[in-house]
Amino acid sequence: MVILLYFYSHYLFASGAAHIGAMYTAFLSVLVACGAPPVVSAIVLGIFSNLMGCLTHYGIGSAPPFFSQKYVPLQTWWTLGFILSVFYIVSFLGIGSVWWPMVGLM
């Protein structure tokens, strides 16, 4: 749940760097305090810090130029961003939770 809150709270930030700077350490501290493995928590937050850029037309530095040229309409961007976010979450938390113990991270 904490990971989902971290990921989707990006909708409230105008910059990836601002979001990561304001929330990464706090969310990592919460995850570790709740008993999550520290290394896995740091890796998951790091991965999701990169993937959340697809959510919005302002979510990452390269998005505004594409949006301003009208390559992708706003509704399409947000719809595809949400669909991709579900795919990312299922992939990294679903498959990752099986894979990480196999490689010794958990």
PDB file of N, CA and C in Angstrom:
ATOM      1  N   MET A   1       0.819  -1.197   0.000  1.00  0.00           N
ATOM      2  CA  MET A   1       0.000   0.000   0.000  1.00  0.00           C
ATOM      3  C   MET A   1       0.866   1.266   0.000  1.00  0.00           C
ATOM      4  N   VAL A   2       1.958   1.221   0.741  1.00  0.00           N
ATOM      5  CA  VAL A   2       2.862   2.367   0.810  1.00  0.00           C
ATOM      6  C   VAL A   2       3.468   2.634  -0.563  1.00  0.00           C
ATOM      7  N   ILE A   3       3.823   1.585  -1.277  1.00  0.00           N
ATOM      8  CA  ILE A   3       4.399   1.728  -2.612  1.00  0.00           C
ATOM      9  C   ILE A   3       3.383   2.372  -3.561  1.00  0.00           C
ATOM     10  N   LEU A   4       2.128   1.944  -3.475  1.00  0.00           N
ATOM     11  CA  LEU A   4       1.093   2.520  -4.333  1.00  0.00           C
ATOM     12  C   LEU A   4       0.883   4.002  -4.025  1.00  0.00           C
ATOM     13  N   LEU A   5       0.893   4.347  -2.763  1.00  0.00           N
ATOM     14  CA  LEU A   5       0.748   5.752  -2.376  1.00  0.00           C
ATOM     15  C   LEU A   5       1.918   6.574  -2.918  1.00  0.00           C
ATOM     16  N   TYR A   6       3.112   6.037  -2.805  1.00  0.00           N
ATOM     17  CA  TYR A   6       4.295   6.727  -3.345  1.00  0.00           C
ATOM     18  C   TYR A   6       4.167   6.918  -4.854  1.00  0.00           C
ATOM     19  N   PHE A   7       3.790   5.856  -5.550  1.00  0.00           N
ATOM     20  CA  PHE A   7       3.716   5.888  -7.010  1.00  0.00           C
ATOM     21  C   PHE A   7       2.649   6.872  -7.491  1.00  0.00           C
ATOM     22  N   TYR A   8       1.435   6.745  -6.970  1.00  0.00           N
ATOM     23  CA  TYR A   8       0.335   7.572  -7.467  1.00  0.00           C
ATOM     24  C   TYR A   8       0.326   8.988  -6.906  1.00  0.00           C
ATOM     25  N   SER A   9       1.072   9.245  -5.863  1.00  0.00           N
ATOM     26  CA  SER A   9       1.165  10.628  -5.367  1.00  0.00           C
ATOM     27  C   SER A   9       1.935  11.505  -6.348  1.00  0.00           C
ATOM     28  N   HIS A  10       2.562  10.888  -7.335  1.00  0.00           N
ATOM     29  CA  HIS A  10       3.270  11.667  -8.355  1.00  0.00           C
ATOM     30  C   HIS A  10       2.313  12.575  -9.135  1.00  0.00           C
ATOM     31  N   TYR A  11       1.040  12.213  -9.176  1.00  0.00           N
ATOM     32  CA  TYR A  11       0.050  13.069  -9.830  1.00  0.00           C
ATOM     33  C   TYR A  11       0.017  14.461  -9.199  1.00  0.00           C
ATOM     34  N   LEU A  12       0.419  14.580  -7.957  1.00  0.00           N
ATOM     35  CA  LEU A  12       0.353  15.852  -7.228  1.00  0.00           C
ATOM     36  C   LEU A  12       1.604  16.708  -7.388  1.00  0.00           C
ATOM     37  N   PHE A  13       2.625  16.183  -8.054  1.00  0.00           N
ATOM     38  CA  PHE A  13       3.887  16.901  -8.193  1.00  0.00           C
ATOM     39  C   PHE A  13       4.125  17.297  -9.640  1.00  0.00           C
ATOM     40  N   ALA A  14       4.698  18.466  -9.834  1.00  0.00           N
ATOM     41  CA  ALA A  14       4.976  18.956 -11.181  1.00  0.00           C
ATOM     42  C   ALA A  14       6.348  18.514 -11.682  1.00  0.00           C
ATOM     43  N   SER A  15       7.073  17.769 -10.874  1.00  0.00           N
ATOM     44  CA  SER A  15       8.426  17.388 -11.239  1.00  0.00           C
ATOM     45  C   SER A  15       8.779  16.055 -10.589  1.00  0.00           C
ATOM     46  N   GLY A  16       9.447  15.218 -11.352  1.00  0.00           N
ATOM     47  CA  GLY A  16       9.924  13.960 -10.788  1.00  0.00           C
ATOM     48  C   GLY A  16      10.947  14.192  -9.695  1.00  0.00           C
ATOM     49  N   ALA A  17      11.838  15.132  -9.935  1.00  0.00           N
ATOM     50  CA  ALA A  17      12.876  15.427  -8.937  1.00  0.00           C
ATOM     51  C   ALA A  17      12.270  15.957  -7.643  1.00  0.00           C
ATOM     52  N   ALA A  18      11.244  16.792  -7.759  1.00  0.00           N
ATOM     53  CA  ALA A  18      10.584  17.312  -6.557  1.00  0.00           C
ATOM     54  C   ALA A  18       9.898  16.190  -5.788  1.00  0.00           C
ATOM     55  N   HIS A  19       9.248  15.298  -6.510  1.00  0.00           N
ATOM     56  CA  HIS A  19       8.561  14.177  -5.864  1.00  0.00           C
ATOM     57  C   HIS A  19       9.557  13.265  -5.151  1.00  0.00           C
ATOM     58  N   ILE A  20      10.595  12.887  -5.846  1.00  0.00           N
ATOM     59  CA  ILE A  20      11.597  11.994  -5.259  1.00  0.00           C
ATOM     60  C   ILE A  20      12.286  12.668  -4.082  1.00  0.00           C
ATOM     61  N   GLY A  21      12.669  13.924  -4.253  1.00  0.00           N
ATOM     62  CA  GLY A  21      13.344  14.643  -3.180  1.00  0.00           C
ATOM     63  C   GLY A  21      12.496  14.800  -1.938  1.00  0.00           C
ATOM     64  N   ALA A  22      11.207  14.998  -2.128  1.00  0.00           N
ATOM     65  CA  ALA A  22      10.317  15.222  -0.989  1.00  0.00           C
ATOM     66  C   ALA A  22       9.867  13.927  -0.326  1.00  0.00           C
ATOM     67  N   MET A  23       9.779  12.826  -1.086  1.00  0.00           N
ATOM     68  CA  MET A  23       9.087  11.664  -0.558  1.00  0.00           C
ATOM     69  C   MET A  23       9.895  10.370  -0.462  1.00  0.00           C
ATOM     70  N   TYR A  24      10.953  10.235  -1.219  1.00  0.00           N
ATOM     71  CA  TYR A  24      11.686   8.964  -1.235  1.00  0.00           C
ATOM     72  C   TYR A  24      12.158   8.556   0.160  1.00  0.00           C
ATOM     73  N   THR A  25      12.869   9.437   0.827  1.00  0.00           N
ATOM     74  CA  THR A  25      13.431   9.109   2.136  1.00  0.00           C
ATOM     75  C   THR A  25      12.338   8.824   3.155  1.00  0.00           C
ATOM     76  N   ALA A  26      11.286   9.624   3.129  1.00  0.00           N
ATOM     77  CA  ALA A  26      10.187   9.411   4.080  1.00  0.00           C
ATOM     78  C   ALA A  26       9.514   8.058   3.858  1.00  0.00           C
ATOM     79  N   PHE A  27       9.246   7.727   2.610  1.00  0.00           N
ATOM     80  CA  PHE A  27       8.586   6.455   2.318  1.00  0.00           C
ATOM     81  C   PHE A  27       9.508   5.270   2.579  1.00  0.00           C
ATOM     82  N   LEU A  28      10.781   5.427   2.302  1.00  0.00           N
ATOM     83  CA  LEU A  28      11.734   4.366   2.618  1.00  0.00           C
ATOM     84  C   LEU A  28      11.782   4.133   4.120  1.00  0.00           C
ATOM     85  N   SER A  29      11.763   5.182   4.891  1.00  0.00           N
ATOM     86  CA  SER A  29      11.766   5.061   6.353  1.00  0.00           C
ATOM     87  C   SER A  29      10.515   4.345   6.851  1.00  0.00           C
ATOM     88  N   VAL A  30       9.374   4.663   6.265  1.00  0.00           N
ATOM     89  CA  VAL A  30       8.126   4.006   6.662  1.00  0.00           C
ATOM     90  C   VAL A  30       8.172   2.527   6.316  1.00  0.00           C
ATOM     91  N   LEU A  31       8.624   2.191   5.123  1.00  0.00           N
ATOM     92  CA  LEU A  31       8.699   0.782   4.725  1.00  0.00           C
ATOM     93  C   LEU A  31       9.604  -0.013   5.653  1.00  0.00           C
ATOM     94  N   VAL A  32      10.774   0.521   5.951  1.00  0.00           N
ATOM     95  CA  VAL A  32      11.726  -0.182   6.821  1.00  0.00           C
ATOM     96  C   VAL A  32      11.165  -0.294   8.234  1.00  0.00           C
ATOM     97  N   ALA A  33      10.516   0.763   8.723  1.00  0.00           N
ATOM     98  CA  ALA A  33       9.925   0.726  10.066  1.00  0.00           C
ATOM     99  C   ALA A  33       8.798  -0.298  10.159  1.00  0.00           C
ATOM    100  N   CYS A  34       8.123  -0.551   9.031  1.00  0.00           N
ATOM    101  CA  CYS A  34       7.051  -1.550   9.011  1.00  0.00           C
ATOM    102  C   CYS A  34       7.569  -2.970   8.817  1.00  0.00           C
ATOM    103  N   GLY A  35       8.883  -3.115   8.675  1.00  0.00           N
ATOM    104  CA  GLY A  35       9.475  -4.445   8.581  1.00  0.00           C
ATOM    105  C   GLY A  35       9.827  -4.914   7.187  1.00  0.00           C
ATOM    106  N   ALA A  36       9.700  -4.075   6.197  1.00  0.00           N
ATOM    107  CA  ALA A  36      10.077  -4.462   4.832  1.00  0.00           C
ATOM    108  C   ALA A  36      11.599  -4.529   4.728  1.00  0.00           C
ATOM    109  N   PRO A  37      12.118  -5.430   3.904  1.00  0.00           N
ATOM    110  CA  PRO A  37      13.570  -5.514   3.732  1.00  0.00           C
ATOM    111  C   PRO A  37      14.124  -4.198   3.172  1.00  0.00           C
ATOM    112  N   PRO A  38      15.129  -3.620   3.814  1.00  0.00           N
ATOM    113  CA  PRO A  38      15.635  -2.306   3.391  1.00  0.00           C
ATOM    114  C   PRO A  38      16.132  -2.246   1.950  1.00  0.00           C
ATOM    115  N   VAL A  39      16.893  -3.251   1.526  1.00  0.00           N
ATOM    116  CA  VAL A  39      17.448  -3.213   0.168  1.00  0.00           C
ATOM    117  C   VAL A  39      16.337  -3.310  -0.870  1.00  0.00           C
ATOM    118  N   VAL A  40      15.410  -4.214  -0.666  1.00  0.00           N
ATOM    119  CA  VAL A  40      14.298  -4.371  -1.606  1.00  0.00           C
ATOM    120  C   VAL A  40      13.441  -3.104  -1.622  1.00  0.00           C
ATOM    121  N   SER A  41      13.211  -2.519  -0.464  1.00  0.00           N
ATOM    122  CA  SER A  41      12.423  -1.288  -0.390  1.00  0.00           C
ATOM    123  C   SER A  41      13.092  -0.165  -1.175  1.00  0.00           C
ATOM    124  N   ALA A  42      14.381  -0.022  -1.011  1.00  0.00           N
ATOM    125  CA  ALA A  42      15.119   1.020  -1.730  1.00  0.00           C
ATOM    126  C   ALA A  42      15.081   0.775  -3.234  1.00  0.00           C
ATOM    127  N   ILE A  43      15.225  -0.475  -3.644  1.00  0.00           N
ATOM    128  CA  ILE A  43      15.199  -0.807  -5.066  1.00  0.00           C
ATOM    129  C   ILE A  43      13.822  -0.551  -5.666  1.00  0.00           C
ATOM    130  N   VAL A  44      12.770  -0.985  -4.980  1.00  0.00           N
ATOM    131  CA  VAL A  44      11.412  -0.799  -5.497  1.00  0.00           C
ATOM    132  C   VAL A  44      11.079   0.686  -5.605  1.00  0.00           C
ATOM    133  N   LEU A  45      11.403   1.460  -4.590  1.00  0.00           N
ATOM    134  CA  LEU A  45      11.156   2.895  -4.665  1.00  0.00           C
ATOM    135  C   LEU A  45      11.977   3.536  -5.783  1.00  0.00           C
ATOM    136  N   GLY A  46      13.191   3.075  -5.978  1.00  0.00           N
ATOM    137  CA  GLY A  46      14.023   3.589  -7.064  1.00  0.00           C
ATOM    138  C   GLY A  46      13.443   3.271  -8.429  1.00  0.00           C
ATOM    139  N   ILE A  47      12.992   2.042  -8.606  1.00  0.00           N
ATOM    140  CA  ILE A  47      12.381   1.638  -9.874  1.00  0.00           C
ATOM    141  C   ILE A  47      11.124   2.454 -10.134  1.00  0.00           C
ATOM    142  N   PHE A  48      10.272   2.548  -9.114  1.00  0.00           N
ATOM    143  CA  PHE A  48       9.021   3.269  -9.298  1.00  0.00           C
ATOM    144  C   PHE A  48       9.253   4.768  -9.457  1.00  0.00           C
ATOM    145  N   SER A  49      10.357   5.286  -8.938  1.00  0.00           N
ATOM    146  CA  SER A  49      10.699   6.697  -9.144  1.00  0.00           C
ATOM    147  C   SER A  49      10.958   6.982 -10.616  1.00  0.00           C
ATOM    148  N   ASN A  50      11.447   6.003 -11.326  1.00  0.00           N
ATOM    149  CA  ASN A  50      11.674   6.167 -12.767  1.00  0.00           C
ATOM    150  C   ASN A  50      10.409   5.894 -13.571  1.00  0.00           C
ATOM    151  N   LEU A  51       9.659   4.892 -13.186  1.00  0.00           N
ATOM    152  CA  LEU A  51       8.488   4.499 -13.962  1.00  0.00           C
ATOM    153  C   LEU A  51       7.332   5.481 -13.844  1.00  0.00           C
ATOM    154  N   MET A  52       7.259   6.223 -12.757  1.00  0.00           N
ATOM    155  CA  MET A  52       6.120   7.119 -12.557  1.00  0.00           C
ATOM    156  C   MET A  52       6.132   8.292 -13.528  1.00  0.00           C
ATOM    157  N   GLY A  53       7.200   8.491 -14.250  1.00  0.00           N
ATOM    158  CA  GLY A  53       7.261   9.571 -15.227  1.00  0.00           C
ATOM    159  C   GLY A  53       6.241   9.432 -16.339  1.00  0.00           C
ATOM    160  N   CYS A  54       5.754   8.227 -16.579  1.00  0.00           N
ATOM    161  CA  CYS A  54       4.781   8.013 -17.658  1.00  0.00           C
ATOM    162  C   CYS A  54       3.372   8.432 -17.279  1.00  0.00           C
ATOM    163  N   LEU A  55       3.113   8.683 -16.028  1.00  0.00           N
ATOM    164  CA  LEU A  55       1.744   8.925 -15.581  1.00  0.00           C
ATOM    165  C   LEU A  55       1.103  10.166 -16.188  1.00  0.00           C
ATOM    166  N   THR A  56       1.844  11.238 -16.262  1.00  0.00           N
ATOM    167  CA  THR A  56       1.251  12.504 -16.684  1.00  0.00           C
ATOM    168  C   THR A  56       2.093  13.177 -17.765  1.00  0.00           C
ATOM    169  N   HIS A  57       1.529  14.187 -18.354  1.00  0.00           N
ATOM    170  CA  HIS A  57       2.216  14.957 -19.392  1.00  0.00           C
ATOM    171  C   HIS A  57       3.241  15.913 -18.799  1.00  0.00           C
ATOM    172  N   TYR A  58       3.325  16.002 -17.504  1.00  0.00           N
ATOM    173  CA  TYR A  58       4.324  16.842 -16.841  1.00  0.00           C
ATOM    174  C   TYR A  58       5.203  16.028 -15.897  1.00  0.00           C
ATOM    175  N   GLY A  59       5.099  14.702 -15.952  1.00  0.00           N
ATOM    176  CA  GLY A  59       5.723  13.833 -14.971  1.00  0.00           C
ATOM    177  C   GLY A  59       7.222  13.637 -15.091  1.00  0.00           C
ATOM    178  N   ILE A  60       7.788  13.957 -16.223  1.00  0.00           N
ATOM    179  CA  ILE A  60       9.215  13.753 -16.430  1.00  0.00           C
ATOM    180  C   ILE A  60       9.689  14.816 -17.425  1.00  0.00           C
ATOM    181  N   GLY A  61      10.938  15.134 -17.418  1.00  0.00           N
ATOM    182  CA  GLY A  61      11.453  16.246 -18.218  1.00  0.00           C
ATOM    183  C   GLY A  61      11.186  16.166 -19.706  1.00  0.00           C
ATOM    184  N   SER A  62      11.159  14.973 -20.263  1.00  0.00           N
ATOM    185  CA  SER A  62      10.950  14.847 -21.707  1.00  0.00           C
ATOM    186  C   SER A  62       9.476  14.912 -22.109  1.00  0.00           C
ATOM    187  N   ALA A  63       8.569  14.830 -21.176  1.00  0.00           N
ATOM    188  CA  ALA A  63       7.144  14.794 -21.507  1.00  0.00           C
ATOM    189  C   ALA A  63       6.581  16.130 -21.998  1.00  0.00           C
ATOM    190  N   PRO A  64       6.870  17.261 -21.355  1.00  0.00           N
ATOM    191  CA  PRO A  64       6.267  18.522 -21.824  1.00  0.00           C
ATOM    192  C   PRO A  64       6.544  18.869 -23.294  1.00  0.00           C
ATOM    193  N   PRO A  65       7.751  18.649 -23.816  1.00  0.00           N
ATOM    194  CA  PRO A  65       7.933  18.943 -25.249  1.00  0.00           C
ATOM    195  C   PRO A  65       7.049  18.087 -26.155  1.00  0.00           C
ATOM    196  N   PHE A  66       6.883  16.824 -25.821  1.00  0.00           N
ATOM    197  CA  PHE A  66       6.005  15.974 -26.632  1.00  0.00           C
ATOM    198  C   PHE A  66       4.562  16.443 -26.512  1.00  0.00           C
ATOM    199  N   PHE A  67       4.153  16.754 -25.292  1.00  0.00           N
ATOM    200  CA  PHE A  67       2.779  17.198 -25.086  1.00  0.00           C
ATOM    201  C   PHE A  67       2.514  18.530 -25.772  1.00  0.00           C
ATOM    202  N   SER A  68       3.447  19.450 -25.688  1.00  0.00           N
ATOM    203  CA  SER A  68       3.241  20.779 -26.277  1.00  0.00           C
ATOM    204  C   SER A  68       3.133  20.722 -27.801  1.00  0.00           C
ATOM    205  N   GLN A  69       3.717  19.720 -28.406  1.00  0.00           N
ATOM    206  CA  GLN A  69       3.613  19.555 -29.858  1.00  0.00           C
ATOM    207  C   GLN A  69       2.382  18.761 -30.273  1.00  0.00           C
ATOM    208  N   LYS A  70       1.588  18.393 -29.292  1.00  0.00           N
ATOM    209  CA  LYS A  70       0.317  17.681 -29.505  1.00  0.00           C
ATOM    210  C   LYS A  70       0.498  16.313 -30.170  1.00  0.00           C
ATOM    211  N   TYR A  71       1.604  15.655 -29.847  1.00  0.00           N
ATOM    212  CA  TYR A  71       1.806  14.293 -30.344  1.00  0.00           C
ATOM    213  C   TYR A  71       0.811  13.326 -29.710  1.00  0.00           C
ATOM    214  N   VAL A  72       0.495  13.582 -28.437  1.00  0.00           N
ATOM    215  CA  VAL A  72      -0.422  12.717 -27.700  1.00  0.00           C
ATOM    216  C   VAL A  72      -1.438  13.609 -26.990  1.00  0.00           C
ATOM    217  N   PRO A  73      -2.730  13.409 -27.230  1.00  0.00           N
ATOM    218  CA  PRO A  73      -3.742  14.198 -26.528  1.00  0.00           C
ATOM    219  C   PRO A  73      -3.714  13.923 -25.017  1.00  0.00           C
ATOM    220  N   LEU A  74      -4.150  14.896 -24.237  1.00  0.00           N
ATOM    221  CA  LEU A  74      -4.095  14.798 -22.775  1.00  0.00           C
ATOM    222  C   LEU A  74      -4.831  13.572 -22.243  1.00  0.00           C
ATOM    223  N   GLN A  75      -6.052  13.350 -22.688  1.00  0.00           N
ATOM    224  CA  GLN A  75      -6.820  12.211 -22.188  1.00  0.00           C
ATOM    225  C   GLN A  75      -6.134  10.893 -22.531  1.00  0.00           C
ATOM    226  N   THR A  76      -5.587  10.801 -23.723  1.00  0.00           N
ATOM    227  CA  THR A  76      -4.867   9.591 -24.123  1.00  0.00           C
ATOM    228  C   THR A  76      -3.641   9.389 -23.238  1.00  0.00           C
ATOM    229  N   TRP A  77      -2.914  10.472 -22.960  1.00  0.00           N
ATOM    230  CA  TRP A  77      -1.715  10.386 -22.133  1.00  0.00           C
ATOM    231  C   TRP A  77      -2.053   9.846 -20.749  1.00  0.00           C
ATOM    232  N   TRP A  78      -3.083  10.428 -20.122  1.00  0.00           N
ATOM    233  CA  TRP A  78      -3.444  10.008 -18.769  1.00  0.00           C
ATOM    234  C   TRP A  78      -4.015   8.592 -18.762  1.00  0.00           C
ATOM    235  N   THR A  79      -4.777   8.240 -19.780  1.00  0.00           N
ATOM    236  CA  THR A  79      -5.330   6.882 -19.856  1.00  0.00           C
ATOM    237  C   THR A  79      -4.225   5.854 -20.024  1.00  0.00           C
ATOM    238  N   LEU A  80      -3.338   6.094 -20.986  1.00  0.00           N
ATOM    239  CA  LEU A  80      -2.233   5.156 -21.196  1.00  0.00           C
ATOM    240  C   LEU A  80      -1.285   5.135 -19.999  1.00  0.00           C
ATOM    241  N   GLY A  81      -1.092   6.289 -19.372  1.00  0.00           N
ATOM    242  CA  GLY A  81      -0.257   6.344 -18.174  1.00  0.00           C
ATOM    243  C   GLY A  81      -0.803   5.471 -17.065  1.00  0.00           C
ATOM    244  N   PHE A  82      -2.119   5.509 -16.880  1.00  0.00           N
ATOM    245  CA  PHE A  82      -2.725   4.664 -15.845  1.00  0.00           C
ATOM    246  C   PHE A  82      -2.623   3.186 -16.201  1.00  0.00           C
ATOM    247  N   ILE A  83      -2.905   2.855 -17.457  1.00  0.00           N
ATOM    248  CA  ILE A  83      -2.809   1.453 -17.897  1.00  0.00           C
ATOM    249  C   ILE A  83      -1.378   0.936 -17.712  1.00  0.00           C
ATOM    250  N   LEU A  84      -0.400   1.732 -18.122  1.00  0.00           N
ATOM    251  CA  LEU A  84       0.997   1.328 -17.939  1.00  0.00           C
ATOM    252  C   LEU A  84       1.356   1.208 -16.466  1.00  0.00           C
ATOM    253  N   SER A  85       0.804   2.083 -15.643  1.00  0.00           N
ATOM    254  CA  SER A  85       1.113   2.009 -14.211  1.00  0.00           C
ATOM    255  C   SER A  85       0.631   0.697 -13.617  1.00  0.00           C
ATOM    256  N   VAL A  86      -0.548   0.249 -14.019  1.00  0.00           N
ATOM    257  CA  VAL A  86      -1.058  -1.040 -13.528  1.00  0.00           C
ATOM    258  C   VAL A  86      -0.144  -2.167 -14.001  1.00  0.00           C
ATOM    259  N   PHE A  87       0.277  -2.118 -15.252  1.00  0.00           N
ATOM    260  CA  PHE A  87       1.198  -3.126 -15.779  1.00  0.00           C
ATOM    261  C   PHE A  87       2.507  -3.138 -14.988  1.00  0.00           C
ATOM    262  N   TYR A  88       3.066  -1.950 -14.732  1.00  0.00           N
ATOM    263  CA  TYR A  88       4.319  -1.863 -13.984  1.00  0.00           C
ATOM    264  C   TYR A  88       4.173  -2.423 -12.569  1.00  0.00           C
ATOM    265  N   ILE A  89       3.097  -2.063 -11.916  1.00  0.00           N
ATOM    266  CA  ILE A  89       2.894  -2.518 -10.542  1.00  0.00           C
ATOM    267  C   ILE A  89       2.751  -4.031 -10.496  1.00  0.00           C
ATOM    268  N   VAL A  90       1.946  -4.577 -11.384  1.00  0.00           N
ATOM    269  CA  VAL A  90       1.772  -6.036 -11.424  1.00  0.00           C
ATOM    270  C   VAL A  90       3.095  -6.718 -11.755  1.00  0.00           C
ATOM    271  N   SER A  91       3.824  -6.174 -12.711  1.00  0.00           N
ATOM    272  CA  SER A  91       5.097  -6.774 -13.113  1.00  0.00           C
ATOM    273  C   SER A  91       6.122  -6.754 -11.990  1.00  0.00           C
ATOM    274  N   PHE A  92       6.369  -5.581 -11.444  1.00  0.00           N
ATOM    275  CA  PHE A  92       7.450  -5.452 -10.471  1.00  0.00           C
ATOM    276  C   PHE A  92       7.106  -6.010  -9.109  1.00  0.00           C
ATOM    277  N   LEU A  93       5.877  -5.834  -8.665  1.00  0.00           N
ATOM    278  CA  LEU A  93       5.529  -6.373  -7.354  1.00  0.00           C
ATOM    279  C   LEU A  93       5.082  -7.825  -7.445  1.00  0.00           C
ATOM    280  N   GLY A  94       4.409  -8.189  -8.515  1.00  0.00           N
ATOM    281  CA  GLY A  94       3.958  -9.575  -8.670  1.00  0.00           C
ATOM    282  C   GLY A  94       5.102 -10.515  -9.027  1.00  0.00           C
ATOM    283  N   ILE A  95       5.718 -10.273 -10.162  1.00  0.00           N
ATOM    284  CA  ILE A  95       6.827 -11.125 -10.610  1.00  0.00           C
ATOM    285  C   ILE A  95       8.045 -10.895  -9.734  1.00  0.00           C
ATOM    286  N   GLY A  96       8.276  -9.643  -9.352  1.00  0.00           N
ATOM    287  CA  GLY A  96       9.424  -9.335  -8.500  1.00  0.00           C
ATOM    288  C   GLY A  96       9.387 -10.035  -7.163  1.00  0.00           C
ATOM    289  N   SER A  97       8.206 -10.145  -6.565  1.00  0.00           N
ATOM    290  CA  SER A  97       8.118 -10.802  -5.266  1.00  0.00           C
ATOM    291  C   SER A  97       8.467 -12.287  -5.347  1.00  0.00           C
ATOM    292  N   VAL A  98       8.343 -12.864  -6.530  1.00  0.00           N
ATOM    293  CA  VAL A  98       8.772 -14.258  -6.730  1.00  0.00           C
ATOM    294  C   VAL A  98      10.258 -14.302  -7.084  1.00  0.00           C
ATOM    295  N   TRP A  99      10.716 -13.368  -7.883  1.00  0.00           N
ATOM    296  CA  TRP A  99      12.092 -13.364  -8.377  1.00  0.00           C
ATOM    297  C   TRP A  99      13.113 -12.964  -7.315  1.00  0.00           C
ATOM    298  N   TRP A 100      12.807 -11.944  -6.524  1.00  0.00           N
ATOM    299  CA  TRP A 100      13.783 -11.409  -5.582  1.00  0.00           C
ATOM    300  C   TRP A 100      14.302 -12.444  -4.580  1.00  0.00           C
ATOM    301  N   PRO A 101      13.465 -13.319  -4.023  1.00  0.00           N
ATOM    302  CA  PRO A 101      14.037 -14.354  -3.145  1.00  0.00           C
ATOM    303  C   PRO A 101      14.959 -15.324  -3.886  1.00  0.00           C
ATOM    304  N   MET A 102      14.667 -15.532  -5.176  1.00  0.00           N
ATOM    305  CA  MET A 102      15.493 -16.451  -5.949  1.00  0.00           C
ATOM    306  C   MET A 102      16.907 -15.902  -6.176  1.00  0.00           C
ATOM    307  N   VAL A 103      17.039 -14.570  -6.202  1.00  0.00           N
ATOM    308  CA  VAL A 103      18.340 -13.953  -6.410  1.00  0.00           C
ATOM    309  C   VAL A 103      18.953 -13.451  -5.094  1.00  0.00           C
ATOM    310  N   GLY A 104      18.303 -13.771  -3.980  1.00  0.00           N
ATOM    311  CA  GLY A 104      18.868 -13.464  -2.678  1.00  0.00           C
ATOM    312  C   GLY A 104      18.598 -12.072  -2.126  1.00  0.00           C
ATOM    313  N   LEU A 105      17.611 -11.369  -2.659  1.00  0.00           N
ATOM    314  CA  LEU A 105      17.296 -10.035  -2.137  1.00  0.00           C
ATOM    315  C   LEU A 105      16.358 -10.065  -0.938  1.00  0.00           C
ATOM    316  N   MET A 106      15.663 -11.161  -0.741  1.00  0.00           N
ATOM    317  CA  MET A 106      14.738 -11.258   0.392  1.00  0.00           C
ATOM    318  C   MET A 106      15.022 -12.507   1.184  1.00  0.00           C
TER     319      MET A 106
END
